[in-house]
Amino acid sequence: MEWTLQIGKPLIICQKYDIELVNVEERDTLTYSLARFVGKVLPKPIASCKVKICNTTTGTQLDFPITSGCFRAYAILSPGENAIEFHINKTKIRKICLFYEIPRRKQFFRLLYVTCMEHDGTFQIPEWEDGTVESAKRRTVVAAQIIEMFLAEKMYAAGYGRKTVHFECDDQGIPVCHEYQTKLTIEEAHDLVAKDPNAFFGHLARELVRSDFPDKHPSQCKWLAFTSFTRYEKPPNEPAPVYHHEVQKYMKGQVVLGGGGLAVTSTAAMHTWAESLDDLYSRMTDARLIDGHRFMADASNRTPYHWQCYATSLGAAVHEVGHCLDQAHTGTGIMGQGFPDIRTFLIGADDGEASWEDHQMHFLNSHKWLNDHAENDGRGPRFFDAGAKIWCKYGLVCLQVCAQQEVIHNWLFPDLPQTLVVQELMTTAMDRLRGRFGEQAANKRAFLIGIDSLGNVMNVRWELDFETGRPL
C-alpha cells in the first residue's frame, strides 16, 4: 500500500491489487460462449469497488461487484482467441487469454419459443417490459448460455473437465432460438394443458418430429421449448396467493416437464429474465416484489422477489434439461429442490445446492450429449439369462434404480464390467424401496437406468418379486 501526503490536501490512499482466478487458467479452451470468472482480490479492498471485465477481442466490457474481496463475473467469447482484462479503479490488474472452440458434436439441443396459431406470440408482462417474440428469444438465448456454462462449471469442479451440452448456434457460437408455431390456438393449448400437461407435451413432441426442422432425429437432437401462451389469471376479488399450490390454480397453459428428447417450460416468469448479459446481475438482484394480483408469484414457496422468481424459473429449465439427460429426481441439488440456487451459483458467495449429486455427475461424464464419442453400434447395457445378469459390451459405468421418478439407489463401477450378476443389486434395491415406500414398495414401478463408457443408456422397467427376492 502506498501512502501519499500532499500539503493542504487530504490524505490520498492508493491501493495496489492482485487478482487470483480460481476456476480458469491462462489459455484454457472453452466449448461454450459464456465464460465465468470466480476470483479473489488481494488484498481485500477497503472500500466498495467493482471489477471491470474487458474482452478486448470483442470490444465489450461489464462491471461486477466485489464482495468481501471476491467476485463472480462473466464475458461473452467469440470463436478463437479472446484477450480478457480485469480492471479495478480504472487500472488494469490482470490479463488472461481464453479460447472458444465451437463444438462440432453430432448431438445438440435446439432452442424453441413456441407460439400459437392466430396469436402474436407475446408472453405475459407488466407494462414496462418488452413481451415480443424477439425479446423472448433474446431471454431464452441467455438462459441457454447459462445452462451450457453451468453444466461445464459443475463438471469441471467435480474433476471431469468442462464437459457440457451444446445448443444449436450461429457462426459466432451464440445459441439460436427458433420461433415455432404449434398447430393449436391459444385456447386449444390452454384446454389441452388443463386436461393433462402430459397430453400437451406429447402433442408438441409429435409436431416436432413431423416438422420441417433439419437434423431432428432423436439420436442427435433434443429440444428445449418455452411456451408463449402461459397466462396467470386471478379474479380481482380473490386474495393474492402465497404458496405454490395456490398460485397454480390461477395458471393457464403452465407446462414444466422434461424427459427423453424434449424439455418444456413456461414463460410465466420470463418478464423477470435478463435479455442480455448486461442486465443479468441487475435482474438477479431485483428486490421488487411480484404483484401477485397480476402475475405468477411462484418462488418455490419463498418471498416472491423478482430475482427469486427468475432463479426459480431458470433453475426449473435446468432441471428439465437434466431429465432429458436421463436424470431422475434426487433428495438434494438441481434435480431435487435446489434448482432455485442457480442464483447463488451465478452471483453468490458459494454454489448452494445448485449441482447434481456425485453419482449423477459420474453418469453425465459418459453421456453422449456431453462427449465426442466414437461411433458405435449402440448396443448398451441389457439384461440376459432371464434377467439374472446384465451384459454390457462397452463396460458398465453406473446404474440407478428409480421409482416415481426418484433415484432410490445407485452403483458405480470403476472397473467397467462387461457382465454383472444382479442378485446382490436386487436385494439392495428392494431394501431401499422398502425403506422409501414401506408396505407400498411392492406396488411401485421400479426402473433400472444404466450407462456404458460410450454413452449408451439402458432404461428398463425392473420387475421385482418382493417375496422371492428375484426378478419376475
Protein backbone atom coordinates (compact mmCIF):
# COMPACT_ATOMS: atom_id res chain seq x y z
CA MET A 1 0.00 0.00 0.00
CA GLU A 2 1.36 3.45 -0.91
CA TRP A 3 0.64 6.49 1.27
CA THR A 4 0.95 9.95 -0.30
CA LEU A 5 0.61 13.12 1.77
CA GLN A 6 0.06 16.39 -0.07
CA ILE A 7 0.33 19.66 1.92
CA GLY A 8 -3.01 21.37 2.32
CA LYS A 9 -4.93 18.38 0.85
CA PRO A 10 -6.47 15.27 2.44
CA LEU A 11 -4.52 12.03 2.65
CA ILE A 12 -4.88 10.04 -0.59
CA ILE A 13 -4.71 6.25 -0.36
CA CYS A 14 -3.67 4.32 -3.49
CA GLN A 15 -4.00 0.58 -3.07
CA LYS A 16 -2.31 -1.93 -5.36
CA TYR A 17 -4.27 -5.08 -6.07
CA ASP A 18 -3.72 -8.54 -7.47
CA ILE A 19 -6.41 -10.90 -8.78
CA GLU A 20 -6.41 -14.64 -8.20
CA LEU A 21 -8.67 -16.65 -10.52
CA VAL A 22 -9.82 -19.95 -9.03
CA ASN A 23 -11.75 -21.56 -11.90
CA VAL A 24 -9.87 -20.71 -15.12
CA GLU A 25 -6.25 -20.70 -16.20
CA GLU A 26 -4.26 -18.99 -18.92
CA ARG A 27 -5.03 -20.37 -22.41
CA ASP A 28 -7.94 -22.57 -21.30
CA THR A 29 -10.22 -23.69 -24.14
CA LEU A 30 -14.00 -23.49 -23.63
CA THR A 31 -16.67 -25.04 -25.84
CA TYR A 32 -19.40 -22.56 -24.87
CA SER A 33 -19.76 -18.82 -25.33
CA LEU A 34 -20.36 -17.58 -21.76
CA ALA A 35 -17.14 -17.54 -19.71
CA ARG A 36 -17.33 -17.42 -15.91
CA PHE A 37 -14.63 -15.93 -13.71
CA VAL A 38 -14.55 -16.74 -10.00
CA GLY A 39 -11.85 -14.64 -8.37
CA LYS A 40 -10.33 -13.10 -5.28
CA VAL A 41 -8.92 -9.59 -4.99
CA LEU A 42 -5.77 -9.33 -2.86
CA PRO A 43 -5.55 -7.51 -0.57
CA LYS A 44 -9.26 -7.21 0.17
CA PRO A 45 -10.43 -3.74 -0.95
CA ILE A 46 -11.07 -1.39 1.96
CA ALA A 47 -13.78 0.45 0.05
CA SER A 48 -16.65 -0.64 -2.16
CA CYS A 49 -15.49 -1.17 -5.72
CA LYS A 50 -16.12 -3.23 -8.85
CA VAL A 51 -14.11 -5.31 -11.24
CA LYS A 52 -14.45 -4.42 -14.90
CA ILE A 53 -14.18 -7.37 -17.30
CA CYS A 54 -12.95 -6.23 -20.72
CA ASN A 55 -12.89 -8.59 -23.68
CA THR A 56 -10.53 -6.59 -25.87
CA THR A 57 -11.07 -9.05 -28.72
CA THR A 58 -14.78 -8.20 -29.00
CA GLY A 59 -14.57 -4.68 -27.56
CA THR A 60 -17.09 -5.41 -24.80
CA GLN A 61 -16.86 -4.65 -21.09
CA LEU A 62 -19.01 -5.12 -17.99
CA ASP A 63 -18.73 -4.25 -14.30
CA PHE A 64 -19.31 -6.75 -11.49
CA PRO A 65 -19.31 -6.09 -7.72
CA ILE A 66 -16.53 -7.21 -5.41
CA THR A 67 -17.95 -8.56 -2.14
CA SER A 68 -15.65 -9.35 0.79
CA GLY A 69 -12.75 -9.45 -1.64
CA CYS A 70 -14.42 -11.97 -4.00
CA PHE A 71 -16.26 -11.70 -7.30
CA ARG A 72 -18.14 -13.74 -9.89
CA ALA A 73 -18.01 -12.20 -13.33
CA TYR A 74 -18.83 -13.10 -16.93
CA ALA A 75 -17.89 -12.34 -20.52
CA ILE A 76 -19.19 -13.40 -23.92
CA LEU A 77 -16.48 -15.05 -26.01
CA SER A 78 -16.03 -15.00 -29.77
CA PRO A 79 -14.66 -18.02 -31.66
CA GLY A 80 -10.90 -18.35 -31.37
CA GLU A 81 -8.64 -16.37 -29.05
CA ASN A 82 -10.10 -13.89 -26.53
CA ALA A 83 -7.98 -11.42 -24.54
CA ILE A 84 -9.69 -10.71 -21.21
CA GLU A 85 -8.56 -7.86 -18.97
CA PHE A 86 -9.52 -7.24 -15.35
CA HIS A 87 -9.65 -3.60 -14.21
CA ILE A 88 -10.20 -2.10 -10.75
CA ASN A 89 -10.49 1.66 -10.26
CA LYS A 90 -9.60 2.24 -13.93
CA THR A 91 -6.36 0.29 -13.55
CA LYS A 92 -5.61 -2.95 -15.40
CA ILE A 93 -4.80 -5.58 -12.78
CA ARG A 94 -4.59 -8.76 -14.80
CA LYS A 95 -4.96 -10.19 -18.30
CA ILE A 96 -5.83 -13.72 -19.37
CA CYS A 97 -6.20 -15.41 -22.75
CA LEU A 98 -9.07 -17.87 -23.33
CA PHE A 99 -10.03 -19.78 -26.45
CA TYR A 100 -13.58 -20.50 -27.58
CA GLU A 101 -13.93 -23.55 -29.79
CA ILE A 102 -17.42 -24.15 -31.22
CA PRO A 103 -18.12 -27.86 -30.75
CA ARG A 104 -18.78 -29.95 -33.84
CA ARG A 105 -20.53 -32.67 -31.88
CA LYS A 106 -23.31 -34.56 -33.63
CA GLN A 107 -25.67 -34.31 -30.65
CA PHE A 108 -27.18 -30.94 -29.73
CA PHE A 109 -30.13 -29.17 -28.11
CA ARG A 110 -32.40 -26.98 -30.22
CA LEU A 111 -33.94 -23.92 -28.55
CA LEU A 112 -37.60 -23.07 -29.32
CA TYR A 113 -40.07 -20.34 -28.48
CA VAL A 114 -43.50 -21.90 -29.07
CA THR A 115 -46.29 -19.64 -30.31
CA CYS A 116 -49.91 -20.42 -31.19
CA MET A 117 -52.00 -20.03 -34.30
CA GLU A 118 -53.94 -16.77 -34.56
CA HIS A 119 -51.83 -15.13 -31.86
CA ASP A 120 -48.95 -12.65 -31.95
CA GLY A 121 -46.74 -14.77 -29.67
CA THR A 122 -46.33 -12.22 -26.87
CA PHE A 123 -45.79 -13.52 -23.36
CA GLN A 124 -47.36 -12.06 -20.21
CA ILE A 125 -45.58 -8.93 -18.96
CA PRO A 126 -46.01 -5.81 -16.84
CA GLU A 127 -46.36 -2.64 -18.88
CA TRP A 128 -42.70 -1.60 -18.54
CA GLU A 129 -41.36 -4.84 -20.08
CA ASP A 130 -41.00 -5.98 -23.70
CA GLY A 131 -43.09 -9.09 -24.30
CA THR A 132 -42.48 -9.51 -28.02
CA VAL A 133 -41.28 -12.68 -29.68
CA GLU A 134 -37.86 -11.12 -30.30
CA SER A 135 -37.49 -10.17 -26.64
CA ALA A 136 -38.47 -13.70 -25.59
CA LYS A 137 -35.90 -15.19 -27.94
CA ARG A 138 -33.16 -12.98 -26.52
CA ARG A 139 -34.06 -14.04 -22.98
CA THR A 140 -34.03 -17.74 -23.87
CA VAL A 141 -30.64 -17.38 -25.56
CA VAL A 142 -29.17 -16.00 -22.32
CA ALA A 143 -30.77 -18.94 -20.48
CA ALA A 144 -29.21 -21.42 -22.92
CA GLN A 145 -25.79 -19.82 -22.47
CA ILE A 146 -26.17 -20.11 -18.69
CA ILE A 147 -27.18 -23.78 -18.97
CA GLU A 148 -24.13 -24.60 -21.11
CA MET A 149 -21.79 -22.75 -18.75
CA PHE A 150 -23.41 -24.05 -15.55
CA LEU A 151 -23.08 -27.71 -16.52
CA ALA A 152 -19.49 -27.18 -17.71
CA GLU A 153 -18.50 -25.48 -14.45
CA LYS A 154 -20.10 -28.19 -12.32
CA MET A 155 -18.42 -30.97 -14.33
CA TYR A 156 -15.09 -29.14 -14.04
CA ALA A 157 -15.47 -28.74 -10.28
CA ALA A 158 -16.21 -32.48 -10.00
CA GLY A 159 -12.98 -33.33 -11.82
CA TYR A 160 -14.41 -34.33 -15.21
CA GLY A 161 -13.25 -31.36 -17.28
CA ARG A 162 -15.55 -28.76 -18.80
CA LYS A 163 -17.94 -31.20 -20.47
CA THR A 164 -21.33 -29.76 -21.30
CA VAL A 165 -24.28 -29.86 -23.66
CA HIS A 166 -24.25 -27.84 -26.86
CA PHE A 167 -27.12 -25.71 -28.16
CA GLU A 168 -27.53 -25.21 -31.88
CA CYS A 169 -25.72 -21.94 -32.59
CA ASP A 170 -24.86 -19.33 -35.24
CA ASP A 171 -21.42 -18.85 -36.82
CA GLN A 172 -20.30 -16.86 -33.76
CA GLY A 173 -21.17 -19.73 -31.45
CA ILE A 174 -24.19 -17.99 -29.86
CA PRO A 175 -27.25 -20.22 -29.31
CA VAL A 176 -30.08 -19.69 -31.77
CA CYS A 177 -33.72 -19.61 -30.68
CA HIS A 178 -36.33 -20.57 -33.28
CA GLU A 179 -39.92 -19.41 -33.20
CA TYR A 180 -42.12 -22.45 -33.70
CA GLN A 181 -45.85 -22.07 -34.26
CA THR A 182 -47.85 -25.00 -32.96
CA LYS A 183 -50.98 -26.09 -34.80
CA LEU A 184 -53.02 -25.21 -31.70
CA THR A 185 -54.75 -21.92 -30.97
CA ILE A 186 -54.06 -20.40 -27.57
CA GLU A 187 -57.48 -21.56 -26.34
CA GLU A 188 -56.81 -25.12 -27.55
CA ALA A 189 -53.40 -25.11 -25.88
CA HIS A 190 -54.95 -23.96 -22.59
CA ASP A 191 -57.65 -26.64 -22.80
CA LEU A 192 -55.17 -29.41 -23.59
CA VAL A 193 -52.87 -28.44 -20.71
CA ALA A 194 -55.86 -28.18 -18.34
CA LYS A 195 -56.85 -31.75 -19.17
CA ASP A 196 -53.32 -33.11 -18.79
CA PRO A 197 -49.98 -31.30 -19.19
CA ASN A 198 -48.51 -34.59 -20.40
CA ALA A 199 -51.03 -34.58 -23.26
CA PHE A 200 -49.70 -31.24 -24.48
CA PHE A 201 -46.14 -32.48 -24.00
CA GLY A 202 -46.87 -35.49 -26.22
CA HIS A 203 -48.71 -33.35 -28.78
CA LEU A 204 -45.76 -30.96 -29.12
CA ALA A 205 -43.29 -33.83 -29.35
CA ARG A 206 -45.26 -35.36 -32.24
CA GLU A 207 -45.47 -32.00 -34.01
CA LEU A 208 -41.71 -31.50 -33.76
CA VAL A 209 -40.98 -34.96 -35.14
CA ARG A 210 -43.13 -34.10 -38.17
CA SER A 211 -41.83 -30.55 -38.53
CA ASP A 212 -39.61 -29.13 -41.27
CA PHE A 213 -36.60 -28.68 -38.97
CA PRO A 214 -33.46 -30.35 -40.31
CA ASP A 215 -31.34 -32.77 -38.26
CA LYS A 216 -34.20 -33.66 -35.94
CA HIS A 217 -33.57 -37.39 -35.45
CA PRO A 218 -33.77 -38.28 -31.72
CA SER A 219 -30.26 -39.74 -31.87
CA GLN A 220 -28.85 -36.26 -32.42
CA CYS A 221 -31.44 -33.61 -31.48
CA LYS A 222 -33.13 -32.78 -28.20
CA TRP A 223 -35.41 -29.75 -27.73
CA LEU A 224 -35.79 -27.07 -25.05
CA ALA A 225 -39.10 -25.29 -25.64
CA PHE A 226 -40.61 -22.25 -23.93
CA THR A 227 -44.38 -21.80 -24.21
CA SER A 228 -45.52 -18.26 -25.06
CA PHE A 229 -49.13 -18.95 -24.13
CA THR A 230 -48.74 -19.38 -20.34
CA ARG A 231 -51.09 -16.98 -18.55
CA TYR A 232 -51.82 -16.06 -14.93
CA GLU A 233 -55.46 -15.12 -14.47
CA LYS A 234 -56.60 -14.42 -10.92
CA PRO A 235 -60.07 -12.99 -10.30
CA PRO A 236 -59.74 -9.40 -8.97
CA ASN A 237 -61.71 -10.14 -5.80
CA GLU A 238 -59.53 -13.10 -4.75
CA PRO A 239 -56.57 -12.54 -2.38
CA ALA A 240 -53.08 -12.84 -3.81
CA PRO A 241 -51.82 -16.42 -3.36
CA VAL A 242 -48.86 -17.17 -1.13
CA TYR A 243 -47.91 -20.79 -1.74
CA HIS A 244 -47.10 -22.74 -4.90
CA HIS A 245 -50.31 -24.80 -4.90
CA GLU A 246 -52.36 -21.62 -4.54
CA VAL A 247 -50.59 -19.96 -7.45
CA GLN A 248 -51.16 -22.96 -9.72
CA LYS A 249 -54.93 -22.79 -9.63
CA TYR A 250 -54.83 -19.45 -11.47
CA MET A 251 -52.49 -20.67 -14.21
CA LYS A 252 -53.41 -21.43 -17.80
CA GLY A 253 -51.02 -23.24 -20.11
CA GLN A 254 -48.48 -23.91 -17.37
CA VAL A 255 -46.22 -26.78 -18.52
CA VAL A 256 -42.92 -27.65 -16.84
CA LEU A 257 -41.93 -31.13 -17.99
CA GLY A 258 -38.90 -32.90 -19.37
CA GLY A 259 -37.73 -36.32 -20.45
CA GLY A 260 -36.40 -38.21 -23.43
CA GLY A 261 -35.79 -35.72 -26.21
CA LEU A 262 -37.92 -32.78 -25.04
CA ALA A 263 -37.96 -30.27 -22.18
CA VAL A 264 -40.85 -27.79 -21.95
CA THR A 265 -41.13 -24.88 -19.57
CA SER A 266 -43.43 -21.89 -19.28
CA THR A 267 -42.89 -18.15 -19.69
CA ALA A 268 -44.93 -17.05 -16.66
CA ALA A 269 -41.84 -15.55 -15.01
CA MET A 270 -39.96 -14.64 -18.19
CA HIS A 271 -40.62 -10.93 -17.63
CA THR A 272 -38.06 -11.18 -14.77
CA TRP A 273 -35.34 -12.66 -17.04
CA ALA A 274 -32.30 -10.92 -18.49
CA GLU A 275 -32.34 -10.05 -22.20
CA SER A 276 -28.55 -9.86 -22.32
CA LEU A 277 -25.53 -10.42 -20.14
CA ASP A 278 -25.53 -6.66 -19.46
CA ASP A 279 -28.58 -6.92 -17.21
CA LEU A 280 -28.02 -10.38 -15.69
CA TYR A 281 -26.72 -9.04 -12.38
CA SER A 282 -29.40 -6.36 -12.01
CA ARG A 283 -32.11 -8.92 -12.77
CA MET A 284 -30.66 -11.40 -10.28
CA THR A 285 -30.70 -8.72 -7.56
CA ASP A 286 -34.08 -7.13 -8.36
CA ALA A 287 -35.70 -6.97 -4.91
CA ARG A 288 -39.10 -5.71 -6.06
CA LEU A 289 -41.97 -7.96 -5.07
CA ILE A 290 -44.04 -9.63 -7.78
CA ASP A 291 -47.60 -8.27 -7.86
CA GLY A 292 -49.45 -11.48 -7.04
CA HIS A 293 -52.73 -9.97 -8.21
CA ARG A 294 -51.44 -9.64 -11.78
CA PHE A 295 -48.56 -12.08 -12.25
CA MET A 296 -47.44 -15.52 -11.18
CA ALA A 297 -45.54 -15.10 -7.92
CA ASP A 298 -44.04 -18.60 -7.85
CA ALA A 299 -40.77 -18.54 -5.94
CA SER A 300 -40.64 -22.10 -4.53
CA ASN A 301 -42.68 -21.00 -1.51
CA ARG A 302 -40.17 -18.24 -0.75
CA THR A 303 -40.65 -14.48 -0.75
CA PRO A 304 -41.63 -13.64 -4.37
CA TYR A 305 -39.00 -11.07 -5.22
CA HIS A 306 -38.36 -10.61 -8.92
CA TRP A 307 -34.93 -12.21 -8.51
CA GLN A 308 -36.40 -15.21 -6.69
CA CYS A 309 -38.90 -15.86 -9.48
CA TYR A 310 -36.09 -15.53 -12.03
CA ALA A 311 -33.95 -18.01 -10.13
CA THR A 312 -36.81 -20.47 -9.64
CA SER A 313 -37.94 -20.48 -13.28
CA LEU A 314 -34.41 -20.54 -14.72
CA GLY A 315 -33.44 -23.32 -12.33
CA ALA A 316 -36.56 -25.22 -13.39
CA ALA A 317 -35.39 -25.08 -17.02
CA VAL A 318 -32.02 -26.54 -15.96
CA HIS A 319 -33.90 -29.23 -14.01
CA GLU A 320 -35.96 -30.25 -17.06
CA VAL A 321 -32.84 -30.39 -19.24
CA GLY A 322 -31.49 -32.75 -16.58
CA HIS A 323 -34.44 -35.07 -17.22
CA CYS A 324 -33.53 -35.08 -20.92
CA LEU A 325 -30.07 -36.26 -19.86
CA ASP A 326 -31.63 -39.30 -18.14
CA GLN A 327 -31.50 -37.86 -14.61
CA ALA A 328 -34.30 -38.60 -12.13
CA HIS A 329 -35.23 -36.64 -9.01
CA THR A 330 -32.88 -36.63 -6.03
CA GLY A 331 -33.07 -35.57 -2.41
CA THR A 332 -30.77 -32.60 -2.94
CA GLY A 333 -29.38 -30.48 -5.73
CA ILE A 334 -30.64 -29.31 -9.10
CA MET A 335 -32.76 -32.48 -9.54
CA GLY A 336 -34.28 -32.00 -6.09
CA GLN A 337 -35.45 -28.71 -4.60
CA GLY A 338 -32.10 -26.98 -5.03
CA PHE A 339 -32.70 -25.58 -8.52
CA PRO A 340 -33.50 -22.01 -7.31
CA ASP A 341 -29.90 -21.90 -6.05
CA ILE A 342 -28.84 -21.22 -9.64
CA ARG A 343 -28.79 -17.58 -8.43
CA THR A 344 -26.29 -18.44 -5.71
CA PHE A 345 -24.11 -20.10 -8.32
CA LEU A 346 -24.30 -17.04 -10.57
CA ILE A 347 -23.76 -14.19 -8.12
CA GLY A 348 -23.44 -15.60 -4.59
CA ALA A 349 -20.55 -16.45 -2.31
CA ASP A 350 -20.95 -20.20 -2.92
CA ASP A 351 -22.98 -22.53 -5.12
CA GLY A 352 -25.54 -23.63 -2.53
CA GLU A 353 -27.40 -26.71 -3.76
CA ALA A 354 -27.01 -25.76 -7.43
CA SER A 355 -25.41 -29.02 -8.55
CA TRP A 356 -26.08 -32.60 -9.46
CA GLU A 357 -25.34 -35.35 -6.95
CA ASP A 358 -21.98 -37.09 -7.32
CA HIS A 359 -23.37 -40.25 -8.93
CA GLN A 360 -25.24 -38.12 -11.48
CA MET A 361 -22.04 -36.27 -12.41
CA HIS A 362 -20.39 -39.67 -12.88
CA PHE A 363 -23.28 -40.68 -15.15
CA LEU A 364 -23.13 -37.44 -17.15
CA ASN A 365 -19.38 -37.84 -17.64
CA SER A 366 -20.12 -40.63 -20.15
CA HIS A 367 -23.30 -39.18 -21.69
CA LYS A 368 -23.38 -38.81 -25.48
CA TRP A 369 -24.68 -35.24 -25.28
CA LEU A 370 -21.55 -34.22 -23.36
CA ASN A 371 -18.92 -36.15 -25.31
CA ASP A 372 -17.46 -36.70 -28.75
CA HIS A 373 -17.68 -40.48 -28.55
CA ALA A 374 -16.55 -42.60 -31.47
CA GLU A 375 -19.36 -44.13 -33.47
CA ASN A 376 -20.51 -47.48 -32.08
CA ASP A 377 -23.28 -49.97 -32.66
CA GLY A 378 -25.37 -48.50 -29.83
CA ARG A 379 -25.62 -51.82 -28.03
CA GLY A 380 -25.87 -50.54 -24.49
CA PRO A 381 -26.37 -52.43 -21.21
CA ARG A 382 -29.07 -55.09 -21.28
CA PHE A 383 -30.48 -57.99 -19.28
CA PHE A 384 -29.80 -61.59 -20.21
CA ASP A 385 -30.11 -65.02 -18.58
CA ALA A 386 -33.77 -64.40 -17.69
CA GLY A 387 -32.92 -61.11 -16.02
CA ALA A 388 -30.32 -62.58 -13.67
CA LYS A 389 -27.38 -60.79 -15.34
CA ILE A 390 -26.56 -57.58 -17.17
CA TRP A 391 -24.34 -57.67 -20.24
CA CYS A 392 -22.51 -54.53 -21.37
CA LYS A 393 -20.27 -54.65 -24.43
CA TYR A 394 -18.50 -51.33 -23.76
CA GLY A 395 -18.21 -51.57 -19.99
CA LEU A 396 -20.81 -50.56 -17.40
CA VAL A 397 -20.19 -47.15 -15.80
CA CYS A 398 -23.07 -46.89 -13.33
CA LEU A 399 -26.62 -47.98 -12.54
CA GLN A 400 -29.53 -46.24 -10.84
CA VAL A 401 -32.75 -47.78 -9.57
CA CYS A 402 -35.63 -45.30 -9.72
CA ALA A 403 -39.26 -45.26 -8.66
CA GLN A 404 -41.78 -42.45 -9.01
CA GLN A 405 -39.15 -40.50 -10.98
CA GLU A 406 -36.83 -40.57 -7.95
CA VAL A 407 -33.38 -42.14 -7.58
CA ILE A 408 -33.67 -44.76 -4.84
CA HIS A 409 -30.14 -46.15 -5.05
CA ASN A 410 -27.11 -46.12 -7.33
CA TRP A 411 -23.98 -48.15 -8.04
CA LEU A 412 -20.71 -47.00 -9.63
CA PHE A 413 -18.40 -49.43 -11.46
CA PRO A 414 -14.88 -48.00 -11.89
CA ASP A 415 -13.62 -51.29 -13.40
CA LEU A 416 -16.24 -51.11 -16.23
CA PRO A 417 -17.50 -54.72 -16.06
CA GLN A 418 -19.00 -56.30 -19.15
CA THR A 419 -21.03 -58.85 -17.18
CA LEU A 420 -22.79 -58.25 -13.90
CA VAL A 421 -24.80 -60.63 -11.69
CA VAL A 422 -27.73 -58.64 -10.37
CA GLN A 423 -28.87 -60.71 -7.37
CA GLU A 424 -26.99 -58.56 -4.86
CA LEU A 425 -28.21 -55.42 -6.61
CA MET A 426 -31.81 -56.63 -6.41
CA THR A 427 -31.53 -57.30 -2.69
CA THR A 428 -30.17 -53.81 -2.09
CA ALA A 429 -32.76 -52.25 -4.39
CA MET A 430 -35.67 -53.93 -2.61
CA ASP A 431 -34.29 -52.90 0.79
CA ARG A 432 -34.06 -49.29 -0.40
CA LEU A 433 -37.56 -49.40 -1.91
CA ARG A 434 -38.97 -50.75 1.36
CA GLY A 435 -37.13 -48.04 3.26
CA ARG A 436 -38.57 -45.35 0.99
CA PHE A 437 -42.13 -46.60 0.44
CA GLY A 438 -42.75 -49.07 3.28
CA GLU A 439 -45.54 -51.57 2.64
CA GLN A 440 -46.29 -49.92 -0.70
CA ALA A 441 -42.83 -50.78 -2.09
CA ALA A 442 -44.09 -53.83 -3.99
CA ASN A 443 -46.65 -51.67 -5.79
CA LYS A 444 -44.13 -49.15 -7.09
CA ARG A 445 -42.89 -49.38 -10.67
CA ALA A 446 -39.12 -49.60 -10.49
CA PHE A 447 -36.81 -48.73 -13.36
CA LEU A 448 -33.15 -49.55 -13.85
CA ILE A 449 -31.13 -46.86 -15.63
CA GLY A 450 -27.56 -47.55 -16.67
CA ILE A 451 -24.91 -46.11 -18.95
CA ASP A 452 -21.81 -47.58 -20.58
CA SER A 453 -18.45 -45.99 -21.33
CA LEU A 454 -19.61 -44.84 -24.79
CA GLY A 455 -22.79 -43.20 -23.53
CA ASN A 456 -25.30 -45.88 -24.49
CA VAL A 457 -28.18 -45.75 -21.99
CA MET A 458 -30.31 -48.56 -20.60
CA ASN A 459 -33.69 -47.51 -19.17
CA VAL A 460 -35.95 -50.51 -18.48
CA ARG A 461 -38.79 -51.49 -16.19
CA TRP A 462 -37.36 -53.69 -13.42
CA GLU A 463 -39.92 -56.24 -12.31
CA LEU A 464 -39.02 -57.36 -8.78
CA ASP A 465 -40.66 -60.11 -6.71
CA PHE A 466 -40.52 -58.91 -3.12
CA GLU A 467 -41.48 -62.37 -1.84
CA THR A 468 -38.78 -64.39 -3.56
CA GLY A 469 -36.21 -61.62 -3.97
CA ARG A 470 -35.83 -62.44 -7.67
CA PRO A 471 -36.86 -60.73 -10.93
CA LEU A 472 -40.30 -61.56 -12.25
